[in-house]
N, C-alpha and C. Protein backbone atom coordinates (compact mmCIF):
# COMPACT_ATOMS: atom_id res chain seq x y z
N MET A 1 86.54 117.51 104.02
CA MET A 1 86.50 116.19 103.80
C MET A 1 87.54 115.74 102.99
N ASN A 2 88.26 114.65 103.19
CA ASN A 2 89.54 114.23 102.61
C ASN A 2 89.06 113.63 101.21
N THR A 3 90.03 114.22 100.23
CA THR A 3 89.61 113.27 99.15
C THR A 3 90.94 112.83 98.32
N ILE A 4 91.03 111.94 97.02
CA ILE A 4 91.45 110.97 96.46
C ILE A 4 91.89 111.60 94.94
N LEU A 5 92.65 111.18 94.62
CA LEU A 5 92.58 111.45 92.81
C LEU A 5 92.31 110.31 92.09
N LEU A 6 91.38 110.75 91.40
CA LEU A 6 91.08 109.63 90.07
C LEU A 6 91.26 110.21 88.68
N ASP A 7 92.48 109.50 88.20
CA ASP A 7 92.45 109.97 86.76
C ASP A 7 93.01 111.32 86.94
N GLY A 8 93.61 111.67 87.83
CA GLY A 8 94.02 113.41 88.03
C GLY A 8 92.97 114.58 88.49
N GLN A 9 92.06 113.92 88.69
CA GLN A 9 90.79 114.70 89.19
C GLN A 9 90.40 114.62 90.80
N LEU A 10 90.05 115.37 91.74
CA LEU A 10 89.79 115.08 93.15
C LEU A 10 88.30 114.78 93.38
N ILE A 11 88.34 113.52 94.15
CA ILE A 11 87.02 112.75 94.27
C ILE A 11 86.94 112.76 95.62
N THR A 12 85.99 112.82 96.28
CA THR A 12 85.64 112.86 97.89
C THR A 12 84.91 111.61 98.04
N PRO A 13 85.53 110.39 98.46
CA PRO A 13 84.55 109.40 99.00
C PRO A 13 84.03 109.76 100.60
N SER A 14 82.69 109.19 100.38
CA SER A 14 82.13 109.46 101.78
C SER A 14 82.40 108.34 102.76
N LYS A 15 83.25 107.21 102.43
CA LYS A 15 83.71 106.35 103.53
C LYS A 15 84.02 105.47 102.77
N VAL A 16 85.27 104.38 103.44
CA VAL A 16 85.70 103.34 102.81
C VAL A 16 85.15 102.34 103.58
N ILE A 17 84.83 101.29 102.59
CA ILE A 17 84.00 100.02 103.61
C ILE A 17 85.67 98.78 103.26
N CYS A 18 85.97 97.82 104.16
CA CYS A 18 86.83 97.04 104.22
C CYS A 18 86.58 95.64 104.30
N VAL A 19 87.23 94.93 103.57
CA VAL A 19 87.15 93.17 103.90
C VAL A 19 88.47 93.14 104.41
N GLY A 20 87.73 92.49 105.88
CA GLY A 20 88.85 91.63 106.37
C GLY A 20 88.82 89.81 106.10
N ARG A 21 90.21 89.19 106.22
CA ARG A 21 90.04 87.84 106.30
C ARG A 21 89.66 87.65 104.85
N ASN A 22 90.51 88.26 103.98
CA ASN A 22 90.09 87.83 102.30
C ASN A 22 91.39 86.99 101.73
N TYR A 23 92.41 86.54 102.30
CA TYR A 23 93.57 85.94 101.86
C TYR A 23 93.67 84.88 102.84
N ALA A 24 93.61 83.30 102.19
CA ALA A 24 93.82 82.47 103.31
C ALA A 24 95.38 82.63 104.40
N GLU A 25 96.51 82.59 103.56
CA GLU A 25 97.49 83.13 104.34
C GLU A 25 97.56 84.09 105.09
N HIS A 26 97.02 85.14 105.15
CA HIS A 26 97.32 86.13 106.02
C HIS A 26 96.00 85.87 107.08
N ILE A 27 95.47 84.88 107.09
CA ILE A 27 94.35 84.73 108.09
C ILE A 27 95.41 83.67 108.62
N ALA A 28 96.01 82.77 108.33
CA ALA A 28 97.05 81.62 109.12
C ALA A 28 98.18 83.20 109.79
N GLU A 29 98.36 83.93 108.76
CA GLU A 29 99.59 84.53 109.64
C GLU A 29 99.41 85.31 110.62
N LEU A 30 98.12 85.58 110.68
CA LEU A 30 97.46 85.92 112.21
C LEU A 30 97.02 85.16 113.22
N GLY A 31 96.87 84.06 113.21
CA GLY A 31 96.46 82.78 114.11
C GLY A 31 94.47 82.98 114.01
N ASN A 32 94.47 83.51 112.57
CA ASN A 32 92.46 83.44 112.46
C ASN A 32 92.35 82.33 112.48
N GLU A 33 90.69 82.59 112.37
CA GLU A 33 90.15 81.48 111.58
C GLU A 33 89.71 82.28 110.37
N ILE A 34 88.74 81.07 109.93
CA ILE A 34 87.67 81.78 108.32
C ILE A 34 86.64 81.86 109.02
N ALA A 35 86.12 83.24 108.82
CA ALA A 35 85.15 83.34 109.47
C ALA A 35 83.84 82.46 108.25
N ASP A 36 82.34 82.82 109.04
CA ASP A 36 81.27 81.83 108.04
C ASP A 36 81.23 82.92 106.88
N ASP A 37 81.11 84.02 107.65
CA ASP A 37 80.29 85.20 106.60
C ASP A 37 81.89 86.35 106.27
N MET A 38 81.82 86.90 105.12
CA MET A 38 82.52 88.04 104.72
C MET A 38 82.70 88.96 106.09
N VAL A 39 83.82 89.43 106.24
CA VAL A 39 84.09 90.37 107.24
C VAL A 39 84.18 91.95 106.86
N ILE A 40 83.30 92.96 107.47
CA ILE A 40 83.00 93.77 106.82
C ILE A 40 83.51 94.68 107.96
N PHE A 41 83.93 96.15 107.62
CA PHE A 41 84.11 96.98 108.56
C PHE A 41 84.06 98.46 108.07
N ILE A 42 84.22 99.35 108.46
CA ILE A 42 83.71 100.92 107.82
C ILE A 42 84.90 101.80 108.03
N LYS A 43 85.44 102.49 107.57
CA LYS A 43 86.52 103.69 107.63
C LYS A 43 85.93 104.90 107.68
N PRO A 44 85.83 105.81 108.11
CA PRO A 44 85.53 106.99 108.07
C PRO A 44 86.04 107.98 107.10
N ASN A 45 85.30 109.10 106.77
CA ASN A 45 86.25 109.77 105.24
C ASN A 45 87.42 110.28 105.98
N SER A 46 87.24 110.73 107.43
CA SER A 46 88.70 111.07 108.44
C SER A 46 89.90 110.13 108.14
N ALA A 47 89.35 109.49 107.57
CA ALA A 47 90.73 107.78 107.72
C ALA A 47 91.61 108.20 106.51
N ILE A 48 90.81 108.71 105.70
CA ILE A 48 91.87 109.15 104.02
C ILE A 48 92.66 109.79 104.13
N THR A 49 94.08 109.38 103.83
CA THR A 49 95.00 110.64 103.80
C THR A 49 96.18 109.58 102.55
N SER A 50 97.18 110.88 102.33
CA SER A 50 98.32 110.44 101.39
C SER A 50 99.51 110.63 102.20
N THR A 51 99.81 110.44 103.50
CA THR A 51 100.32 110.51 104.15
C THR A 51 100.48 109.02 105.23
N LEU A 52 102.01 108.72 105.01
CA LEU A 52 102.01 107.17 106.05
C LEU A 52 102.73 107.53 107.19
N ASN A 53 101.76 107.40 108.09
CA ASN A 53 102.41 107.66 109.78
C ASN A 53 102.73 106.04 110.38
N SER A 54 103.53 106.02 111.31
CA SER A 54 103.93 104.68 111.81
C SER A 54 104.00 105.00 113.39
N PHE A 55 103.31 105.55 113.80
CA PHE A 55 102.75 106.05 114.79
C PHE A 55 101.58 107.04 115.69
N HIS A 56 100.16 106.38 115.89
CA HIS A 56 98.95 106.92 116.65
C HIS A 56 98.82 106.10 118.21
N HIS A 57 99.38 107.12 118.55
CA HIS A 57 99.10 106.06 120.30
C HIS A 57 99.97 104.75 120.41
N GLU A 58 100.29 104.19 119.15
CA GLU A 58 101.11 102.78 119.60
C GLU A 58 101.64 102.95 118.03
N GLN A 59 102.62 102.02 118.11
CA GLN A 59 103.25 101.74 116.68
C GLN A 59 102.32 100.71 115.74
N LEU A 60 102.28 101.72 114.76
CA LEU A 60 101.44 101.01 113.70
C LEU A 60 102.07 99.67 112.97
N HIS A 61 100.83 99.05 112.35
CA HIS A 61 101.26 97.81 111.28
C HIS A 61 100.41 98.51 110.26
N TYR A 62 101.05 97.63 108.94
CA TYR A 62 100.50 97.79 107.75
C TYR A 62 99.62 96.79 107.20
N GLU A 63 98.94 96.72 106.37
CA GLU A 63 98.80 96.14 105.55
C GLU A 63 98.34 96.55 104.17
N GLY A 64 98.61 95.97 103.01
CA GLY A 64 98.82 96.45 101.51
C GLY A 64 97.21 95.57 100.69
N GLU A 65 96.44 96.52 100.26
CA GLU A 65 95.54 96.14 99.87
C GLU A 65 95.21 96.58 98.17
N ILE A 66 94.20 95.95 97.67
CA ILE A 66 93.62 96.20 96.30
C ILE A 66 92.84 97.13 96.71
N CYS A 67 92.40 98.40 96.33
CA CYS A 67 91.12 99.11 96.68
C CYS A 67 90.01 99.41 95.11
N PHE A 68 89.03 99.47 95.04
CA PHE A 68 88.31 99.67 94.42
C PHE A 68 87.66 100.88 93.99
N MET A 69 86.85 101.83 93.71
CA MET A 69 86.27 102.97 93.70
C MET A 69 84.89 102.58 92.84
N TYR A 70 83.73 103.15 93.99
CA TYR A 70 82.72 102.25 93.35
C TYR A 70 82.34 104.01 92.51
N SER A 71 81.41 103.38 91.77
CA SER A 71 80.67 104.40 90.67
C SER A 71 79.47 103.66 89.89
N GLN A 72 78.49 104.62 89.76
CA GLN A 72 76.93 103.93 88.88
C GLN A 72 76.95 102.23 89.46
N GLY A 73 77.23 101.98 90.45
CA GLY A 73 76.44 100.14 90.17
C GLY A 73 77.73 99.29 90.35
N LYS A 74 78.83 100.15 90.04
CA LYS A 74 80.03 98.66 90.03
C LYS A 74 81.30 99.75 90.57
N PHE A 75 82.27 98.64 90.27
CA PHE A 75 83.94 99.32 90.46
C PHE A 75 84.11 99.76 89.16
N SER A 76 84.71 100.76 89.00
CA SER A 76 84.99 101.74 88.47
C SER A 76 86.62 101.80 87.71
N ALA A 77 87.30 101.77 89.18
CA ALA A 77 88.85 102.35 89.18
C ALA A 77 89.20 101.57 89.94
N VAL A 78 90.63 101.59 90.11
CA VAL A 78 91.73 100.47 91.46
C VAL A 78 92.39 101.60 91.51
N GLY A 79 93.18 101.40 92.93
CA GLY A 79 94.25 102.08 93.43
C GLY A 79 94.99 101.16 94.59
N PHE A 80 96.12 101.37 95.05
CA PHE A 80 96.76 100.74 95.90
C PHE A 80 96.48 101.33 97.44
N GLY A 81 96.07 100.95 98.64
CA GLY A 81 95.77 101.18 99.59
C GLY A 81 96.35 100.67 101.01
N LEU A 82 96.44 101.47 101.65
CA LEU A 82 97.49 100.70 103.40
C LEU A 82 96.48 100.84 104.30
N ASP A 83 96.00 99.57 104.35
CA ASP A 83 95.09 99.78 106.19
C ASP A 83 96.02 99.95 106.81
N LEU A 84 96.47 100.68 107.74
CA LEU A 84 96.62 100.81 109.14
C LEU A 84 96.01 100.42 110.37
N THR A 85 96.46 99.74 111.13
CA THR A 85 96.10 99.14 112.10
C THR A 85 96.87 99.35 113.77
N LYS A 86 96.48 99.24 114.57
CA LYS A 86 96.69 99.31 116.08
C LYS A 86 96.82 97.99 116.41
N ARG A 87 97.41 97.07 116.08
CA ARG A 87 97.28 95.89 116.26
C ARG A 87 97.74 95.14 118.26
N THR A 88 98.06 96.13 118.76
CA THR A 88 97.94 95.70 120.34
C THR A 88 96.58 96.22 120.36
N LEU A 89 95.99 97.25 119.98
CA LEU A 89 94.83 97.47 120.40
C LEU A 89 93.74 96.72 119.85
N GLN A 90 93.88 96.12 118.83
CA GLN A 90 92.79 95.50 118.36
C GLN A 90 93.18 94.15 119.10
N SER A 91 94.21 93.40 119.16
CA SER A 91 94.24 92.43 120.29
C SER A 91 93.78 92.13 121.36
N LYS A 92 93.66 93.47 121.97
CA LYS A 92 92.92 93.84 123.06
C LYS A 92 91.51 93.62 123.18
N LEU A 93 90.85 94.58 122.35
CA LEU A 93 89.77 94.49 121.91
C LEU A 93 89.42 93.50 121.28
N LYS A 94 89.46 92.69 120.18
CA LYS A 94 88.98 90.90 119.92
C LYS A 94 89.00 90.24 121.03
N GLY A 95 90.08 90.13 121.94
CA GLY A 95 90.28 89.41 123.40
C GLY A 95 88.82 89.71 124.08
N LYS A 96 88.38 90.63 124.22
CA LYS A 96 87.51 90.93 125.36
C LYS A 96 85.87 91.11 124.32
N GLY A 97 86.18 90.60 123.12
CA GLY A 97 84.79 90.75 122.26
C GLY A 97 84.39 91.61 121.99
N LEU A 98 84.81 92.80 122.18
CA LEU A 98 84.29 94.09 121.85
C LEU A 98 84.76 94.84 120.22
N PRO A 99 83.89 95.47 119.43
CA PRO A 99 84.28 95.94 118.35
C PRO A 99 85.44 96.60 118.42
N TRP A 100 86.30 96.72 117.04
CA TRP A 100 87.64 97.16 116.84
C TRP A 100 88.16 98.01 116.06
N GLU A 101 86.71 98.98 115.59
CA GLU A 101 87.04 100.18 114.75
C GLU A 101 88.27 100.87 115.87
N ARG A 102 88.63 101.79 116.76
CA ARG A 102 89.35 101.93 117.78
C ARG A 102 90.95 101.93 116.46
N ALA A 103 90.85 100.59 116.50
CA ALA A 103 92.02 100.03 116.44
C ALA A 103 92.35 99.69 114.73
N LYS A 104 91.19 100.35 114.11
CA LYS A 104 90.92 100.10 112.92
C LYS A 104 90.35 101.77 111.95
N ALA A 105 90.04 102.24 112.59
CA ALA A 105 89.11 103.32 111.54
C ALA A 105 89.77 104.72 111.78
N PHE A 106 90.79 104.60 113.01
CA PHE A 106 91.03 105.91 113.37
C PHE A 106 91.43 107.14 112.14
N ASP A 107 91.91 108.21 112.61
CA ASP A 107 92.32 109.15 111.42
C ASP A 107 93.42 109.12 110.82
N ASN A 108 93.59 109.16 109.69
CA ASN A 108 94.75 108.65 108.49
C ASN A 108 94.97 107.41 109.01
N SER A 109 94.29 106.48 108.83
CA SER A 109 94.66 104.87 108.85
C SER A 109 93.99 104.05 107.44
N ALA A 110 93.72 105.50 106.46
CA ALA A 110 93.23 104.58 105.19
C ALA A 110 94.54 105.37 104.41
N VAL A 111 95.52 104.89 103.98
CA VAL A 111 96.61 105.40 103.04
C VAL A 111 96.26 105.18 101.72
N MET A 112 95.96 105.94 100.65
CA MET A 112 95.93 106.25 99.38
C MET A 112 96.48 106.31 98.67
N SER A 113 96.78 105.21 97.38
CA SER A 113 97.42 106.36 96.14
C SER A 113 96.60 106.79 95.29
N GLU A 114 96.77 107.29 93.93
CA GLU A 114 96.03 107.29 93.18
C GLU A 114 95.23 106.60 92.55
N PHE A 115 93.91 106.89 91.75
CA PHE A 115 93.19 105.67 91.27
C PHE A 115 92.93 106.00 89.38
N VAL A 116 92.64 104.82 89.06
CA VAL A 116 92.90 105.04 87.87
C VAL A 116 91.47 104.20 87.59
N SER A 117 91.13 104.92 86.37
CA SER A 117 89.64 104.10 85.86
C SER A 117 90.13 102.47 85.24
N LEU A 118 89.14 101.88 85.46
CA LEU A 118 89.34 100.04 85.55
C LEU A 118 88.32 99.76 84.75
N LYS A 119 88.09 99.15 83.41
CA LYS A 119 86.75 98.77 82.93
C LYS A 119 86.44 97.21 83.30
N ASN A 120 87.70 96.17 83.30
CA ASN A 120 87.31 94.77 83.68
C ASN A 120 88.41 94.57 84.31
N ILE A 121 87.92 93.80 85.71
CA ILE A 121 88.36 93.31 86.54
C ILE A 121 88.42 91.89 86.25
N ASP A 122 89.59 91.33 86.86
CA ASP A 122 89.58 89.59 86.68
C ASP A 122 90.86 89.09 87.56
N ASP A 123 91.06 88.13 87.21
CA ASP A 123 92.25 87.20 88.25
C ASP A 123 93.82 87.69 88.12
N SER A 124 93.88 88.38 87.03
CA SER A 124 95.18 89.08 86.59
C SER A 124 95.61 90.32 87.43
N LEU A 125 94.54 90.99 88.08
CA LEU A 125 94.72 91.86 88.86
C LEU A 125 95.62 91.29 90.27
N SER A 126 96.93 92.07 90.66
CA SER A 126 97.12 92.35 91.71
C SER A 126 98.02 93.03 92.14
N LEU A 127 98.71 92.89 93.29
CA LEU A 127 99.51 94.30 94.14
C LEU A 127 100.94 93.99 94.70
N ASN A 128 101.64 94.38 94.85
CA ASN A 128 102.72 94.67 95.16
C ASN A 128 103.27 95.46 96.00
N LEU A 129 103.73 95.28 97.11
CA LEU A 129 104.48 96.03 98.18
C LEU A 129 106.19 95.84 98.68
N SER A 130 106.85 96.82 98.31
CA SER A 130 108.27 97.04 98.68
C SER A 130 108.28 97.84 100.15
N ILE A 131 109.28 97.47 100.86
CA ILE A 131 109.63 98.16 102.09
C ILE A 131 111.39 97.81 102.44
N ASP A 132 111.97 99.41 102.14
CA ASP A 132 113.54 99.37 101.78
C ASP A 132 113.48 98.40 101.05
N GLY A 133 113.23 98.54 99.68
CA GLY A 133 113.77 97.83 98.87
C GLY A 133 113.50 95.71 98.75
N GLN A 134 112.98 95.50 99.67
CA GLN A 134 112.35 94.23 100.26
C GLN A 134 111.01 93.90 100.04
N ILE A 135 110.48 92.98 98.77
CA ILE A 135 109.26 93.05 98.38
C ILE A 135 109.05 91.84 99.86
N THR A 136 107.52 92.51 100.04
CA THR A 136 107.31 92.40 101.40
C THR A 136 105.40 91.94 101.51
N GLN A 137 105.30 91.86 100.18
CA GLN A 137 103.71 91.30 100.51
C GLN A 137 103.20 91.64 98.79
N GLN A 138 102.93 90.96 98.06
CA GLN A 138 102.45 90.35 96.73
C GLN A 138 101.14 89.43 96.62
N GLY A 139 100.40 89.63 95.81
CA GLY A 139 98.57 89.03 96.23
C GLY A 139 97.74 89.39 95.22
N GLY A 140 96.61 89.32 95.18
CA GLY A 140 95.50 89.48 93.95
C GLY A 140 94.77 88.90 94.29
N VAL A 141 93.74 89.19 92.88
CA VAL A 141 92.39 88.39 92.73
C VAL A 141 92.04 86.87 92.87
N GLU A 142 93.43 86.42 92.40
CA GLU A 142 93.50 84.95 91.99
C GLU A 142 93.59 84.36 93.53
N LEU A 143 94.01 85.12 94.49
CA LEU A 143 94.25 84.31 95.82
C LEU A 143 92.82 84.90 97.05
N MET A 144 92.07 85.83 96.35
CA MET A 144 90.46 86.15 97.04
C MET A 144 90.10 85.08 97.78
N ILE A 145 89.44 84.98 98.76
CA ILE A 145 88.22 84.08 99.35
C ILE A 145 87.35 84.51 98.22
N TYR A 146 87.06 85.63 98.79
CA TYR A 146 85.44 86.44 97.86
C TYR A 146 86.21 87.20 96.84
N LYS A 147 85.44 87.57 95.63
CA LYS A 147 85.87 87.90 94.54
C LYS A 147 85.57 89.04 94.32
N PRO A 148 86.14 90.06 93.57
CA PRO A 148 85.26 91.76 93.58
C PRO A 148 83.91 91.51 93.37
N SER A 149 82.82 90.69 92.41
CA SER A 149 82.13 90.88 92.43
C SER A 149 80.90 90.17 93.52
N GLU A 150 81.80 89.25 93.81
CA GLU A 150 81.01 88.74 95.29
C GLU A 150 81.05 89.89 96.48
N ILE A 151 82.06 90.45 96.80
CA ILE A 151 82.17 91.57 97.58
C ILE A 151 81.13 92.80 97.53
N LEU A 152 81.28 93.23 96.37
CA LEU A 152 80.12 94.25 95.74
C LEU A 152 78.64 93.55 96.44
N ASN A 153 78.56 92.50 95.95
CA ASN A 153 76.97 91.75 96.42
C ASN A 153 76.98 91.93 97.79
N ILE A 154 77.78 91.60 98.72
CA ILE A 154 77.35 91.38 99.75
C ILE A 154 77.47 92.44 100.57
N ILE A 155 78.39 93.59 100.27
CA ILE A 155 77.85 95.09 100.50
C ILE A 155 76.87 95.56 100.33
N GLU A 156 76.24 95.44 99.32
CA GLU A 156 75.48 96.34 98.83
C GLU A 156 73.81 95.71 99.51
N GLN A 157 73.78 94.65 100.23
CA GLN A 157 73.10 93.78 101.53
C GLN A 157 72.67 94.23 102.21
N SER A 158 73.63 95.29 102.57
CA SER A 158 73.89 96.23 104.07
C SER A 158 73.82 97.76 103.88
N PHE A 159 74.72 98.20 102.84
CA PHE A 159 75.27 99.14 102.97
C PHE A 159 74.79 99.84 101.68
N THR A 160 74.69 101.69 101.76
CA THR A 160 74.33 101.98 100.72
C THR A 160 75.59 102.58 100.14
N LEU A 161 76.51 102.48 98.65
CA LEU A 161 77.55 102.79 98.43
C LEU A 161 76.94 103.91 97.36
N GLU A 162 78.16 105.13 97.96
CA GLU A 162 77.48 106.53 96.67
C GLU A 162 78.93 106.59 95.94
N ASP A 163 79.07 106.99 94.69
CA ASP A 163 79.87 107.57 94.09
C ASP A 163 80.88 108.10 94.31
N GLY A 164 82.23 107.41 94.10
CA GLY A 164 82.99 107.88 94.81
C GLY A 164 83.97 107.26 96.30
N ASP A 165 82.74 106.17 96.21
CA ASP A 165 83.23 105.27 98.29
C ASP A 165 84.09 104.48 97.48
N ILE A 166 85.30 104.15 98.55
CA ILE A 166 86.23 103.12 98.42
C ILE A 166 86.09 101.50 98.93
N VAL A 167 86.14 100.96 98.28
CA VAL A 167 86.37 99.70 98.99
C VAL A 167 87.44 99.16 99.13
N MET A 168 87.89 98.30 100.37
CA MET A 168 89.29 97.60 100.22
C MET A 168 89.25 96.51 100.85
N THR A 169 89.81 95.38 99.89
CA THR A 169 89.54 94.24 99.49
C THR A 169 90.59 92.72 100.51
N GLY A 170 91.46 93.49 101.18
CA GLY A 170 91.67 92.31 102.18
C GLY A 170 93.54 92.62 101.71
N THR A 171 93.84 92.03 102.82
CA THR A 171 95.79 91.89 102.16
C THR A 171 95.92 90.55 102.25
N PRO A 172 97.18 90.57 101.64
CA PRO A 172 97.53 89.05 101.38
C PRO A 172 98.62 89.09 102.73
N LYS A 173 99.47 87.80 102.67
CA LYS A 173 100.63 87.54 103.90
C LYS A 173 101.41 88.39 103.78
N GLY A 174 102.43 88.95 104.98
CA GLY A 174 103.36 89.95 104.56
C GLY A 174 103.24 90.87 105.79
N VAL A 175 101.89 91.26 106.31
CA VAL A 175 102.09 92.19 107.10
C VAL A 175 103.08 92.37 107.95
N GLY A 176 102.95 93.68 108.60
CA GLY A 176 103.94 93.69 109.93
C GLY A 176 104.16 95.26 110.22
N VAL A 177 105.07 95.48 111.17
CA VAL A 177 105.42 97.18 112.02
C VAL A 177 105.63 98.16 111.06
N ILE A 178 105.16 99.26 110.70
CA ILE A 178 105.63 100.15 110.25
C ILE A 178 107.00 101.02 110.84
N ASN A 179 108.17 101.23 110.33
CA ASN A 179 109.09 101.79 111.29
C ASN A 179 109.31 103.12 110.77
N ALA A 180 109.08 103.96 111.32
CA ALA A 180 109.47 105.31 111.07
C ALA A 180 110.68 105.53 110.01
N ASN A 181 110.64 106.63 108.76
CA ASN A 181 111.53 106.68 107.51
C ASN A 181 111.96 105.56 106.70
N SER A 182 111.49 104.44 107.05
CA SER A 182 111.28 103.47 105.83
C SER A 182 110.51 103.74 104.62
N GLU A 183 110.65 103.49 103.54
CA GLU A 183 110.42 103.67 102.39
C GLU A 183 109.40 102.48 102.01
N PHE A 184 108.19 102.74 101.59
CA PHE A 184 107.27 102.18 101.03
C PHE A 184 106.89 102.21 99.40
N LYS A 185 107.29 101.62 98.52
CA LYS A 185 107.34 101.28 97.07
C LYS A 185 105.84 100.39 96.96
N ALA A 186 104.98 100.83 96.12
CA ALA A 186 103.82 99.66 95.87
C ALA A 186 103.68 100.02 94.49
N ASN A 187 102.53 98.92 93.87
CA ASN A 187 101.98 98.99 92.49
C ASN A 187 100.86 98.29 92.40
N ILE A 188 100.07 98.04 91.48
CA ILE A 188 98.98 97.27 91.30
C ILE A 188 99.03 96.97 89.59
N THR A 189 99.16 96.00 89.23
CA THR A 189 99.74 95.24 88.26
C THR A 189 98.33 94.61 87.43
N LYS A 190 97.89 94.31 86.05
CA LYS A 190 97.30 93.72 85.41
C LYS A 190 98.14 92.93 84.38
N ASN A 191 97.75 91.98 84.38
CA ASN A 191 98.84 90.74 83.10
C ASN A 191 99.92 91.71 83.42
N ASP A 192 100.34 92.10 84.49
CA ASP A 192 101.92 92.31 84.62
C ASP A 192 102.52 93.62 84.19
N ASN A 193 101.03 94.64 83.65
CA ASN A 193 101.44 95.93 83.60
C ASN A 193 100.83 96.71 84.83
N VAL A 194 101.74 97.35 84.73
CA VAL A 194 101.69 98.34 86.11
C VAL A 194 100.46 99.57 85.61
N LEU A 195 99.69 99.43 86.58
CA LEU A 195 98.21 100.40 86.19
C LEU A 195 98.49 101.85 87.42
N VAL A 196 98.98 101.44 88.75
CA VAL A 196 99.05 102.57 89.76
C VAL A 196 100.21 102.21 90.28
N GLU A 197 101.33 103.33 90.38
CA GLU A 197 102.75 103.20 91.60
C GLU A 197 102.59 104.39 92.67
N ALA A 198 102.92 104.20 93.54
CA ALA A 198 102.95 104.96 95.10
C ALA A 198 104.00 104.78 95.28
N PHE A 199 104.47 105.79 96.35
CA PHE A 199 105.94 105.95 96.91
C PHE A 199 105.49 106.70 98.25
N TRP A 200 105.90 106.55 99.25
CA TRP A 200 105.89 106.91 100.90
C TRP A 200 106.84 106.75 101.43
N ILE A 201 107.36 107.72 102.13
CA ILE A 201 108.66 107.43 103.79
C ILE A 201 107.69 107.81 104.55
N ALA A 202 107.51 106.91 105.78
CA ALA A 202 107.06 106.98 106.77
C ALA A 202 107.21 107.69 107.83
N LYS A 203 106.37 108.80 108.14
CA LYS A 203 106.97 109.66 109.23
C LYS A 203 107.26 108.74 110.68
């Protein structure tokens, strides 16, 4: 089973639950429509990794996200995650009205930073992603269509969350192709104070 670090200790999530279409500008960026209900899909434990790949049967796309760890009935920690996507396959499956887990839930498709404990979640929580020195994605709770508390309530209507499970809350605009050897630098901030930092070189 794959693990992540929480305050320096290894944690084994049973799954990653992902929220789609949670930023209006990203929805427009991909030419999608705002859904009537919150979009949810799941990545298995086998998707979790600390390695960033640029290719898995096709070139991959990145989506930077604020991620929360669930524990004892609430979101208790925060980290940065990259939701990797096979965009060509996803478009093909969507066009046929088919499920698109093959494009989202494949091995090593949830690239995670370390997580840190967090007591209070508010609109000041935000993410920043730079690729090869250029700011590529910025956004946070303030821009979310579904806020973290609402996300948790909706998820718990359908799924049992185990302590250590991860929830990815959607991506702001600025998604794109991962090029091999590109340098990804990411962080999560709260009131402009850095909580988590991560660095990857795409393989």
